[in-house]
Amino acid sequence: MAYPWIKMRPLLMLTLLLVIFFSYCLAGRRPPYTLDPQADGFWANKTTWNARWVKYWRAKKIYEPVWKKVWTPTIHNEWVPLPNVPNEWEAEKDRSYKDQ
């Protein structure tokens, strides 16, 4: 007598594929009702290039200092708060589409 799970093998494989599919589809998504600490703004990264002087030592009979101008990126992190909701949206929130 064959094992009974062999007959159910296609069903088990289909179930496994569905579980993997839904886990990848829903991965990283959050329900809209969770409290997100970042919901009131975001970090804006701005990169600018600035010049700075770097001292290195040139090898001669004695080491002599040499200053060289080097351009390096400077990253400015700025917290950008989200703007307030427009007043028109607040008026629309009280009205439902069923009333129309």
PDB file of N, CA and C in Angstrom:
ATOM      1  N   MET A   1       0.844  -1.173   0.000  1.00  0.00           N
ATOM      2  CA  MET A   1       0.000   0.000   0.000  1.00  0.00           C
ATOM      3  C   MET A   1       0.895   1.244   0.000  1.00  0.00           C
ATOM      4  N   ALA A   2       0.556   2.162  -0.856  1.00  0.00           N
ATOM      5  CA  ALA A   2       1.328   3.400  -0.961  1.00  0.00           C
ATOM      6  C   ALA A   2       0.983   4.317   0.201  1.00  0.00           C
ATOM      7  N   TYR A   3       1.903   5.166   0.493  1.00  0.00           N
ATOM      8  CA  TYR A   3       1.662   6.126   1.565  1.00  0.00           C
ATOM      9  C   TYR A   3       0.568   7.104   1.146  1.00  0.00           C
ATOM     10  N   PRO A   4      -0.329   7.482   2.067  1.00  0.00           N
ATOM     11  CA  PRO A   4      -1.436   8.370   1.687  1.00  0.00           C
ATOM     12  C   PRO A   4      -0.982   9.786   1.342  1.00  0.00           C
ATOM     13  N   TRP A   5       0.170  10.217   1.831  1.00  0.00           N
ATOM     14  CA  TRP A   5       0.606  11.583   1.550  1.00  0.00           C
ATOM     15  C   TRP A   5       1.084  11.744   0.121  1.00  0.00           C
ATOM     16  N   ILE A   6       1.387  10.626  -0.567  1.00  0.00           N
ATOM     17  CA  ILE A   6       1.826  10.713  -1.955  1.00  0.00           C
ATOM     18  C   ILE A   6       0.690  11.221  -2.835  1.00  0.00           C
ATOM     19  N   LYS A   7      -0.551  10.833  -2.532  1.00  0.00           N
ATOM     20  CA  LYS A   7      -1.691  11.316  -3.302  1.00  0.00           C
ATOM     21  C   LYS A   7      -1.928  12.805  -3.045  1.00  0.00           C
ATOM     22  N   MET A   8      -1.544  13.261  -1.882  1.00  0.00           N
ATOM     23  CA  MET A   8      -1.756  14.666  -1.528  1.00  0.00           C
ATOM     24  C   MET A   8      -0.550  15.534  -1.896  1.00  0.00           C
ATOM     25  N   ARG A   9       0.444  14.946  -2.504  1.00  0.00           N
ATOM     26  CA  ARG A   9       1.674  15.673  -2.809  1.00  0.00           C
ATOM     27  C   ARG A   9       1.426  16.903  -3.688  1.00  0.00           C
ATOM     28  N   PRO A  10       0.648  16.825  -4.778  1.00  0.00           N
ATOM     29  CA  PRO A  10       0.405  18.051  -5.558  1.00  0.00           C
ATOM     30  C   PRO A  10      -0.304  19.132  -4.751  1.00  0.00           C
ATOM     31  N   LEU A  11      -1.215  18.730  -3.892  1.00  0.00           N
ATOM     32  CA  LEU A  11      -1.919  19.702  -3.060  1.00  0.00           C
ATOM     33  C   LEU A  11      -0.969  20.362  -2.066  1.00  0.00           C
ATOM     34  N   LEU A  12      -0.074  19.588  -1.487  1.00  0.00           N
ATOM     35  CA  LEU A  12       0.906  20.151  -0.555  1.00  0.00           C
ATOM     36  C   LEU A  12       1.868  21.104  -1.273  1.00  0.00           C
ATOM     37  N   MET A  13       2.285  20.735  -2.480  1.00  0.00           N
ATOM     38  CA  MET A  13       3.187  21.612  -3.230  1.00  0.00           C
ATOM     39  C   MET A  13       2.488  22.908  -3.621  1.00  0.00           C
ATOM     40  N   LEU A  14       1.220  22.818  -4.012  1.00  0.00           N
ATOM     41  CA  LEU A  14       0.461  24.014  -4.348  1.00  0.00           C
ATOM     42  C   LEU A  14       0.298  24.914  -3.126  1.00  0.00           C
ATOM     43  N   THR A  15       0.028  24.315  -1.983  1.00  0.00           N
ATOM     44  CA  THR A  15      -0.109  25.087  -0.748  1.00  0.00           C
ATOM     45  C   THR A  15       1.207  25.780  -0.402  1.00  0.00           C
ATOM     46  N   LEU A  16       2.308  25.079  -0.549  1.00  0.00           N
ATOM     47  CA  LEU A  16       3.618  25.664  -0.268  1.00  0.00           C
ATOM     48  C   LEU A  16       3.906  26.832  -1.215  1.00  0.00           C
ATOM     49  N   LEU A  17       3.596  26.668  -2.491  1.00  0.00           N
ATOM     50  CA  LEU A  17       3.807  27.752  -3.447  1.00  0.00           C
ATOM     51  C   LEU A  17       2.944  28.962  -3.123  1.00  0.00           C
ATOM     52  N   LEU A  18       1.707  28.735  -2.713  1.00  0.00           N
ATOM     53  CA  LEU A  18       0.839  29.850  -2.348  1.00  0.00           C
ATOM     54  C   LEU A  18       1.355  30.583  -1.114  1.00  0.00           C
ATOM     55  N   VAL A  19       1.839  29.842  -0.135  1.00  0.00           N
ATOM     56  CA  VAL A  19       2.380  30.472   1.075  1.00  0.00           C
ATOM     57  C   VAL A  19       3.602  31.313   0.726  1.00  0.00           C
ATOM     58  N   ILE A  20       4.484  30.780  -0.102  1.00  0.00           N
ATOM     59  CA  ILE A  20       5.674  31.543  -0.501  1.00  0.00           C
ATOM     60  C   ILE A  20       5.277  32.774  -1.301  1.00  0.00           C
ATOM     61  N   PHE A  21       4.325  32.622  -2.215  1.00  0.00           N
ATOM     62  CA  PHE A  21       3.872  33.742  -3.040  1.00  0.00           C
ATOM     63  C   PHE A  21       3.307  34.859  -2.179  1.00  0.00           C
ATOM     64  N   PHE A  22       2.417  34.522  -1.244  1.00  0.00           N
ATOM     65  CA  PHE A  22       1.806  35.562  -0.418  1.00  0.00           C
ATOM     66  C   PHE A  22       2.799  36.169   0.562  1.00  0.00           C
ATOM     67  N   SER A  23       3.759  35.384   1.028  1.00  0.00           N
ATOM     68  CA  SER A  23       4.743  35.959   1.949  1.00  0.00           C
ATOM     69  C   SER A  23       5.619  36.979   1.229  1.00  0.00           C
ATOM     70  N   TYR A  24       5.971  36.728  -0.039  1.00  0.00           N
ATOM     71  CA  TYR A  24       6.765  37.697  -0.787  1.00  0.00           C
ATOM     72  C   TYR A  24       5.938  38.890  -1.232  1.00  0.00           C
ATOM     73  N   CYS A  25       4.679  38.678  -1.545  1.00  0.00           N
ATOM     74  CA  CYS A  25       3.835  39.798  -1.981  1.00  0.00           C
ATOM     75  C   CYS A  25       3.563  40.768  -0.840  1.00  0.00           C
ATOM     76  N   LEU A  26       3.375  40.238   0.345  1.00  0.00           N
ATOM     77  CA  LEU A  26       3.010  41.087   1.473  1.00  0.00           C
ATOM     78  C   LEU A  26       4.207  41.486   2.321  1.00  0.00           C
ATOM     79  N   ALA A  27       5.404  41.085   1.933  1.00  0.00           N
ATOM     80  CA  ALA A  27       6.586  41.402   2.731  1.00  0.00           C
ATOM     81  C   ALA A  27       6.883  42.889   2.660  1.00  0.00           C
ATOM     82  N   GLY A  28       7.167  43.490   3.794  1.00  0.00           N
ATOM     83  CA  GLY A  28       7.532  44.892   3.847  1.00  0.00           C
ATOM     84  C   GLY A  28       6.360  45.844   3.884  1.00  0.00           C
ATOM     85  N   ARG A  29       5.153  45.364   3.718  1.00  0.00           N
ATOM     86  CA  ARG A  29       3.996  46.251   3.757  1.00  0.00           C
ATOM     87  C   ARG A  29       3.467  46.328   5.174  1.00  0.00           C
ATOM     88  N   ARG A  30       2.966  47.488   5.503  1.00  0.00           N
ATOM     89  CA  ARG A  30       2.397  47.692   6.831  1.00  0.00           C
ATOM     90  C   ARG A  30       0.930  48.025   6.697  1.00  0.00           C
ATOM     91  N   PRO A  31       0.154  47.587   7.635  1.00  0.00           N
ATOM     92  CA  PRO A  31      -1.243  48.021   7.603  1.00  0.00           C
ATOM     93  C   PRO A  31      -1.335  49.523   7.854  1.00  0.00           C
ATOM     94  N   PRO A  32      -2.331  50.189   7.309  1.00  0.00           N
ATOM     95  CA  PRO A  32      -2.398  51.650   7.427  1.00  0.00           C
ATOM     96  C   PRO A  32      -2.709  52.151   8.827  1.00  0.00           C
ATOM     97  N   TYR A  33      -3.133  51.279   9.711  1.00  0.00           N
ATOM     98  CA  TYR A  33      -3.519  51.726  11.040  1.00  0.00           C
ATOM     99  C   TYR A  33      -2.376  51.643  12.046  1.00  0.00           C
ATOM    100  N   THR A  34      -1.180  51.204  11.646  1.00  0.00           N
ATOM    101  CA  THR A  34      -0.076  51.136  12.594  1.00  0.00           C
ATOM    102  C   THR A  34       0.496  52.525  12.831  1.00  0.00           C
ATOM    103  N   LEU A  35       1.062  52.721  13.999  1.00  0.00           N
ATOM    104  CA  LEU A  35       1.675  54.001  14.337  1.00  0.00           C
ATOM    105  C   LEU A  35       3.115  53.994  13.847  1.00  0.00           C
ATOM    106  N   ASP A  36       3.389  54.829  12.884  1.00  0.00           N
ATOM    107  CA  ASP A  36       4.719  54.919  12.304  1.00  0.00           C
ATOM    108  C   ASP A  36       5.402  56.167  12.846  1.00  0.00           C
ATOM    109  N   PRO A  37       6.584  56.037  13.473  1.00  0.00           N
ATOM    110  CA  PRO A  37       7.239  57.233  14.011  1.00  0.00           C
ATOM    111  C   PRO A  37       7.696  58.199  12.921  1.00  0.00           C
ATOM    112  N   GLN A  38       7.829  57.742  11.675  1.00  0.00           N
ATOM    113  CA  GLN A  38       8.275  58.605  10.590  1.00  0.00           C
ATOM    114  C   GLN A  38       7.110  59.252   9.852  1.00  0.00           C
ATOM    115  N   ALA A  39       5.897  59.127  10.352  1.00  0.00           N
ATOM    116  CA  ALA A  39       4.727  59.592   9.608  1.00  0.00           C
ATOM    117  C   ALA A  39       4.624  61.113   9.554  1.00  0.00           C
ATOM    118  N   ASP A  40       5.375  61.833  10.369  1.00  0.00           N
ATOM    119  CA  ASP A  40       5.249  63.289  10.379  1.00  0.00           C
ATOM    120  C   ASP A  40       6.356  63.986   9.595  1.00  0.00           C
ATOM    121  N   GLY A  41       7.200  63.242   8.896  1.00  0.00           N
ATOM    122  CA  GLY A  41       8.250  63.862   8.101  1.00  0.00           C
ATOM    123  C   GLY A  41       9.214  62.829   7.552  1.00  0.00           C
ATOM    124  N   PHE A  42      10.303  63.316   6.951  1.00  0.00           N
ATOM    125  CA  PHE A  42      11.307  62.416   6.396  1.00  0.00           C
ATOM    126  C   PHE A  42      12.651  63.136   6.385  1.00  0.00           C
ATOM    127  N   TRP A  43      13.717  62.358   6.260  1.00  0.00           N
ATOM    128  CA  TRP A  43      15.061  62.916   6.198  1.00  0.00           C
ATOM    129  C   TRP A  43      15.414  63.169   4.743  1.00  0.00           C
ATOM    130  N   ALA A  44      15.784  64.396   4.419  1.00  0.00           N
ATOM    131  CA  ALA A  44      16.224  64.750   3.069  1.00  0.00           C
ATOM    132  C   ALA A  44      17.744  64.836   3.082  1.00  0.00           C
ATOM    133  N   ASN A  45      18.374  64.034   2.262  1.00  0.00           N
ATOM    134  CA  ASN A  45      19.833  64.044   2.164  1.00  0.00           C
ATOM    135  C   ASN A  45      20.241  64.879   0.959  1.00  0.00           C
ATOM    136  N   LYS A  46      21.049  65.874   1.208  1.00  0.00           N
ATOM    137  CA  LYS A  46      21.540  66.737   0.143  1.00  0.00           C
ATOM    138  C   LYS A  46      23.060  66.669   0.165  1.00  0.00           C
ATOM    139  N   THR A  47      23.648  66.425  -0.985  1.00  0.00           N
ATOM    140  CA  THR A  47      25.100  66.314  -1.080  1.00  0.00           C
ATOM    141  C   THR A  47      25.651  67.512  -1.842  1.00  0.00           C
ATOM    142  N   THR A  48      26.628  68.174  -1.252  1.00  0.00           N
ATOM    143  CA  THR A  48      27.331  69.263  -1.926  1.00  0.00           C
ATOM    144  C   THR A  48      28.821  68.944  -1.916  1.00  0.00           C
ATOM    145  N   TRP A  49      29.532  69.499  -2.880  1.00  0.00           N
ATOM    146  CA  TRP A  49      30.972  69.293  -2.967  1.00  0.00           C
ATOM    147  C   TRP A  49      31.687  70.542  -2.460  1.00  0.00           C
ATOM    148  N   ASN A  50      32.539  70.346  -1.486  1.00  0.00           N
ATOM    149  CA  ASN A  50      33.289  71.448  -0.887  1.00  0.00           C
ATOM    150  C   ASN A  50      34.783  71.171  -1.000  1.00  0.00           C
ATOM    151  N   ALA A  51      35.533  72.251  -1.100  1.00  0.00           N
ATOM    152  CA  ALA A  51      36.991  72.125  -1.160  1.00  0.00           C
ATOM    153  C   ALA A  51      37.560  72.220   0.250  1.00  0.00           C
ATOM    154  N   ARG A  52      38.592  71.443   0.496  1.00  0.00           N
ATOM    155  CA  ARG A  52      39.307  71.544   1.766  1.00  0.00           C
ATOM    156  C   ARG A  52      40.784  71.311   1.486  1.00  0.00           C
ATOM    157  N   TRP A  53      41.598  71.795   2.390  1.00  0.00           N
ATOM    158  CA  TRP A  53      43.039  71.668   2.232  1.00  0.00           C
ATOM    159  C   TRP A  53      43.534  70.482   3.051  1.00  0.00           C
ATOM    160  N   VAL A  54      44.334  69.640   2.403  1.00  0.00           N
ATOM    161  CA  VAL A  54      44.884  68.449   3.050  1.00  0.00           C
ATOM    162  C   VAL A  54      46.405  68.558   3.015  1.00  0.00           C
ATOM    163  N   LYS A  55      47.009  68.282   4.167  1.00  0.00           N
ATOM    164  CA  LYS A  55      48.473  68.338   4.236  1.00  0.00           C
ATOM    165  C   LYS A  55      49.026  66.924   4.114  1.00  0.00           C
ATOM    166  N   TYR A  56      49.943  66.750   3.183  1.00  0.00           N
ATOM    167  CA  TYR A  56      50.657  65.484   3.105  1.00  0.00           C
ATOM    168  C   TYR A  56      52.147  65.798   3.052  1.00  0.00           C
ATOM    169  N   TRP A  57      52.940  64.772   3.228  1.00  0.00           N
ATOM    170  CA  TRP A  57      54.380  64.983   3.345  1.00  0.00           C
ATOM    171  C   TRP A  57      55.087  64.453   2.109  1.00  0.00           C
ATOM    172  N   ARG A  58      55.847  65.338   1.452  1.00  0.00           N
ATOM    173  CA  ARG A  58      56.612  64.958   0.269  1.00  0.00           C
ATOM    174  C   ARG A  58      57.989  64.489   0.733  1.00  0.00           C
ATOM    175  N   ALA A  59      58.398  63.339   0.202  1.00  0.00           N
ATOM    176  CA  ALA A  59      59.688  62.777   0.615  1.00  0.00           C
ATOM    177  C   ALA A  59      60.823  63.406  -0.190  1.00  0.00           C
ATOM    178  N   LYS A  60      61.699  64.068   0.509  1.00  0.00           N
ATOM    179  CA  LYS A  60      62.935  64.602  -0.085  1.00  0.00           C
ATOM    180  C   LYS A  60      64.062  64.195   0.866  1.00  0.00           C
ATOM    181  N   LYS A  61      65.130  64.985   0.920  1.00  0.00           N
ATOM    182  CA  LYS A  61      66.165  64.673   1.905  1.00  0.00           C
ATOM    183  C   LYS A  61      65.573  64.732   3.299  1.00  0.00           C
ATOM    184  N   ILE A  62      64.746  65.738   3.502  1.00  0.00           N
ATOM    185  CA  ILE A  62      63.915  65.766   4.703  1.00  0.00           C
ATOM    186  C   ILE A  62      62.476  65.897   4.208  1.00  0.00           C
ATOM    187  N   TYR A  63      61.553  65.401   4.982  1.00  0.00           N
ATOM    188  CA  TYR A  63      60.149  65.494   4.574  1.00  0.00           C
ATOM    189  C   TYR A  63      59.682  66.938   4.671  1.00  0.00           C
ATOM    190  N   GLU A  64      59.029  67.406   3.636  1.00  0.00           N
ATOM    191  CA  GLU A  64      58.493  68.769   3.670  1.00  0.00           C
ATOM    192  C   GLU A  64      56.968  68.707   3.511  1.00  0.00           C
ATOM    193  N   PRO A  65      56.258  69.558   4.242  1.00  0.00           N
ATOM    194  CA  PRO A  65      54.795  69.533   4.144  1.00  0.00           C
ATOM    195  C   PRO A  65      54.318  70.213   2.867  1.00  0.00           C
ATOM    196  N   VAL A  66      53.313  69.628   2.270  1.00  0.00           N
ATOM    197  CA  VAL A  66      52.705  70.180   1.063  1.00  0.00           C
ATOM    198  C   VAL A  66      51.200  70.197   1.285  1.00  0.00           C
ATOM    199  N   TRP A  67      50.608  71.346   1.002  1.00  0.00           N
ATOM    200  CA  TRP A  67      49.156  71.470   1.134  1.00  0.00           C
ATOM    201  C   TRP A  67      48.515  71.297  -0.228  1.00  0.00           C
ATOM    202  N   LYS A  68      47.481  70.486  -0.271  1.00  0.00           N
ATOM    203  CA  LYS A  68      46.814  70.185  -1.525  1.00  0.00           C
ATOM    204  C   LYS A  68      45.319  70.446  -1.358  1.00  0.00           C
ATOM    205  N   LYS A  69      44.707  71.052  -2.378  1.00  0.00           N
ATOM    206  CA  LYS A  69      43.273  71.322  -2.343  1.00  0.00           C
ATOM    207  C   LYS A  69      42.532  70.080  -2.845  1.00  0.00           C
ATOM    208  N   VAL A  70      41.620  69.572  -2.018  1.00  0.00           N
ATOM    209  CA  VAL A  70      40.884  68.349  -2.338  1.00  0.00           C
ATOM    210  C   VAL A  70      39.394  68.646  -2.264  1.00  0.00           C
ATOM    211  N   TRP A  71      38.639  68.123  -3.238  1.00  0.00           N
ATOM    212  CA  TRP A  71      37.184  68.280  -3.239  1.00  0.00           C
ATOM    213  C   TRP A  71      36.557  67.022  -2.654  1.00  0.00           C
ATOM    214  N   THR A  72      35.740  67.219  -1.621  1.00  0.00           N
ATOM    215  CA  THR A  72      35.085  66.085  -0.971  1.00  0.00           C
ATOM    216  C   THR A  72      33.592  66.361  -0.849  1.00  0.00           C
ATOM    217  N   PRO A  73      32.783  65.305  -0.868  1.00  0.00           N
ATOM    218  CA  PRO A  73      31.344  65.517  -0.707  1.00  0.00           C
ATOM    219  C   PRO A  73      30.980  65.762   0.750  1.00  0.00           C
ATOM    220  N   THR A  74      30.036  66.646   0.947  1.00  0.00           N
ATOM    221  CA  THR A  74      29.486  66.911   2.272  1.00  0.00           C
ATOM    222  C   THR A  74      28.002  66.584   2.226  1.00  0.00           C
ATOM    223  N   ILE A  75      27.554  65.714   3.118  1.00  0.00           N
ATOM    224  CA  ILE A  75      26.151  65.296   3.133  1.00  0.00           C
ATOM    225  C   ILE A  75      25.433  66.077   4.218  1.00  0.00           C
ATOM    226  N   HIS A  76      24.385  66.769   3.830  1.00  0.00           N
ATOM    227  CA  HIS A  76      23.570  67.533   4.769  1.00  0.00           C
ATOM    228  C   HIS A  76      22.281  66.758   5.021  1.00  0.00           C
ATOM    229  N   ASN A  77      22.089  66.311   6.245  1.00  0.00           N
ATOM    230  CA  ASN A  77      20.842  65.644   6.615  1.00  0.00           C
ATOM    231  C   ASN A  77      19.909  66.685   7.203  1.00  0.00           C
ATOM    232  N   GLU A  78      18.722  66.756   6.647  1.00  0.00           N
ATOM    233  CA  GLU A  78      17.751  67.739   7.109  1.00  0.00           C
ATOM    234  C   GLU A  78      16.416  67.052   7.308  1.00  0.00           C
ATOM    235  N   TRP A  79      15.803  67.284   8.466  1.00  0.00           N
ATOM    236  CA  TRP A  79      14.484  66.734   8.753  1.00  0.00           C
ATOM    237  C   TRP A  79      13.440  67.633   8.114  1.00  0.00           C
ATOM    238  N   VAL A  80      12.680  67.064   7.182  1.00  0.00           N
ATOM    239  CA  VAL A  80      11.648  67.823   6.480  1.00  0.00           C
ATOM    240  C   VAL A  80      10.294  67.366   7.001  1.00  0.00           C
ATOM    241  N   PRO A  81       9.586  68.210   7.750  1.00  0.00           N
ATOM    242  CA  PRO A  81       8.265  67.797   8.236  1.00  0.00           C
ATOM    243  C   PRO A  81       7.248  67.837   7.107  1.00  0.00           C
ATOM    244  N   LEU A  82       6.279  66.946   7.187  1.00  0.00           N
ATOM    245  CA  LEU A  82       5.218  66.940   6.190  1.00  0.00           C
ATOM    246  C   LEU A  82       4.308  68.134   6.425  1.00  0.00           C
ATOM    247  N   PRO A  83       3.787  68.737   5.362  1.00  0.00           N
ATOM    248  CA  PRO A  83       2.898  69.892   5.538  1.00  0.00           C
ATOM    249  C   PRO A  83       1.566  69.475   6.136  1.00  0.00           C
ATOM    250  N   ASN A  84       0.878  70.442   6.699  1.00  0.00           N
ATOM    251  CA  ASN A  84      -0.439  70.176   7.263  1.00  0.00           C
ATOM    252  C   ASN A  84      -1.437  69.882   6.153  1.00  0.00           C
ATOM    253  N   VAL A  85      -2.508  69.235   6.535  1.00  0.00           N
ATOM    254  CA  VAL A  85      -3.557  68.896   5.579  1.00  0.00           C
ATOM    255  C   VAL A  85      -4.272  70.177   5.162  1.00  0.00           C
ATOM    256  N   PRO A  86      -4.526  70.365   3.851  1.00  0.00           N
ATOM    257  CA  PRO A  86      -5.246  71.568   3.425  1.00  0.00           C
ATOM    258  C   PRO A  86      -6.651  71.616   4.016  1.00  0.00           C
ATOM    259  N   ASN A  87      -7.153  72.828   4.195  1.00  0.00           N
ATOM    260  CA  ASN A  87      -8.483  73.000   4.784  1.00  0.00           C
ATOM    261  C   ASN A  87      -9.571  72.380   3.918  1.00  0.00           C
ATOM    262  N   GLU A  88      -9.373  72.360   2.604  1.00  0.00           N
ATOM    263  CA  GLU A  88     -10.368  71.772   1.718  1.00  0.00           C
ATOM    264  C   GLU A  88     -10.526  70.280   1.992  1.00  0.00           C
ATOM    265  N   TRP A  89      -9.438  69.628   2.361  1.00  0.00           N
ATOM    266  CA  TRP A  89      -9.523  68.202   2.643  1.00  0.00           C
ATOM    267  C   TRP A  89     -10.292  67.953   3.928  1.00  0.00           C
ATOM    268  N   GLU A  90     -10.111  68.826   4.899  1.00  0.00           N
ATOM    269  CA  GLU A  90     -10.851  68.670   6.153  1.00  0.00           C
ATOM    270  C   GLU A  90     -12.350  68.806   5.913  1.00  0.00           C
ATOM    271  N   ALA A  91     -12.748  69.729   5.031  1.00  0.00           N
ATOM    272  CA  ALA A  91     -14.169  69.895   4.722  1.00  0.00           C
ATOM    273  C   ALA A  91     -14.700  68.666   3.989  1.00  0.00           C
ATOM    274  N   GLU A  92     -13.889  68.068   3.127  1.00  0.00           N
ATOM    275  CA  GLU A  92     -14.314  66.879   2.385  1.00  0.00           C
ATOM    276  C   GLU A  92     -14.408  65.659   3.292  1.00  0.00           C
ATOM    277  N   LYS A  93     -13.633  65.648   4.384  1.00  0.00           N
ATOM    278  CA  LYS A  93     -13.621  64.485   5.260  1.00  0.00           C
ATOM    279  C   LYS A  93     -14.981  64.295   5.929  1.00  0.00           C
ATOM    280  N   ASP A  94     -15.668  65.384   6.244  1.00  0.00           N
ATOM    281  CA  ASP A  94     -16.965  65.288   6.908  1.00  0.00           C
ATOM    282  C   ASP A  94     -18.061  64.827   5.956  1.00  0.00           C
ATOM    283  N   ARG A  95     -17.882  65.067   4.686  1.00  0.00           N
ATOM    284  CA  ARG A  95     -18.902  64.693   3.714  1.00  0.00           C
ATOM    285  C   ARG A  95     -18.590  63.305   3.160  1.00  0.00           C
ATOM    286  N   SER A  96     -19.563  62.437   3.110  1.00  0.00           N
ATOM    287  CA  SER A  96     -19.349  61.102   2.563  1.00  0.00           C
ATOM    288  C   SER A  96     -19.882  61.048   1.140  1.00  0.00           C
ATOM    289  N   TYR A  97     -19.422  60.074   0.387  1.00  0.00           N
ATOM    290  CA  TYR A  97     -19.860  59.931  -0.996  1.00  0.00           C
ATOM    291  C   TYR A  97     -21.266  59.347  -1.092  1.00  0.00           C
ATOM    292  N   LYS A  98     -21.730  58.735  -0.020  1.00  0.00           N
ATOM    293  CA  LYS A  98     -23.084  58.174  -0.026  1.00  0.00           C
ATOM    294  C   LYS A  98     -24.138  59.271   0.010  1.00  0.00           C
ATOM    295  N   ASP A  99     -23.776  60.452   0.499  1.00  0.00           N
ATOM    296  CA  ASP A  99     -24.738  61.556   0.587  1.00  0.00           C
ATOM    297  C   ASP A  99     -25.030  62.160  -0.780  1.00  0.00           C
ATOM    298  N   GLN A 100     -24.193  61.920  -1.736  1.00  0.00           N
ATOM    299  CA  GLN A 100     -24.371  62.558  -3.047  1.00  0.00           C
ATOM    300  C   GLN A 100     -25.470  61.904  -3.847  1.00  0.00           C
TER     301      GLN A 100
END
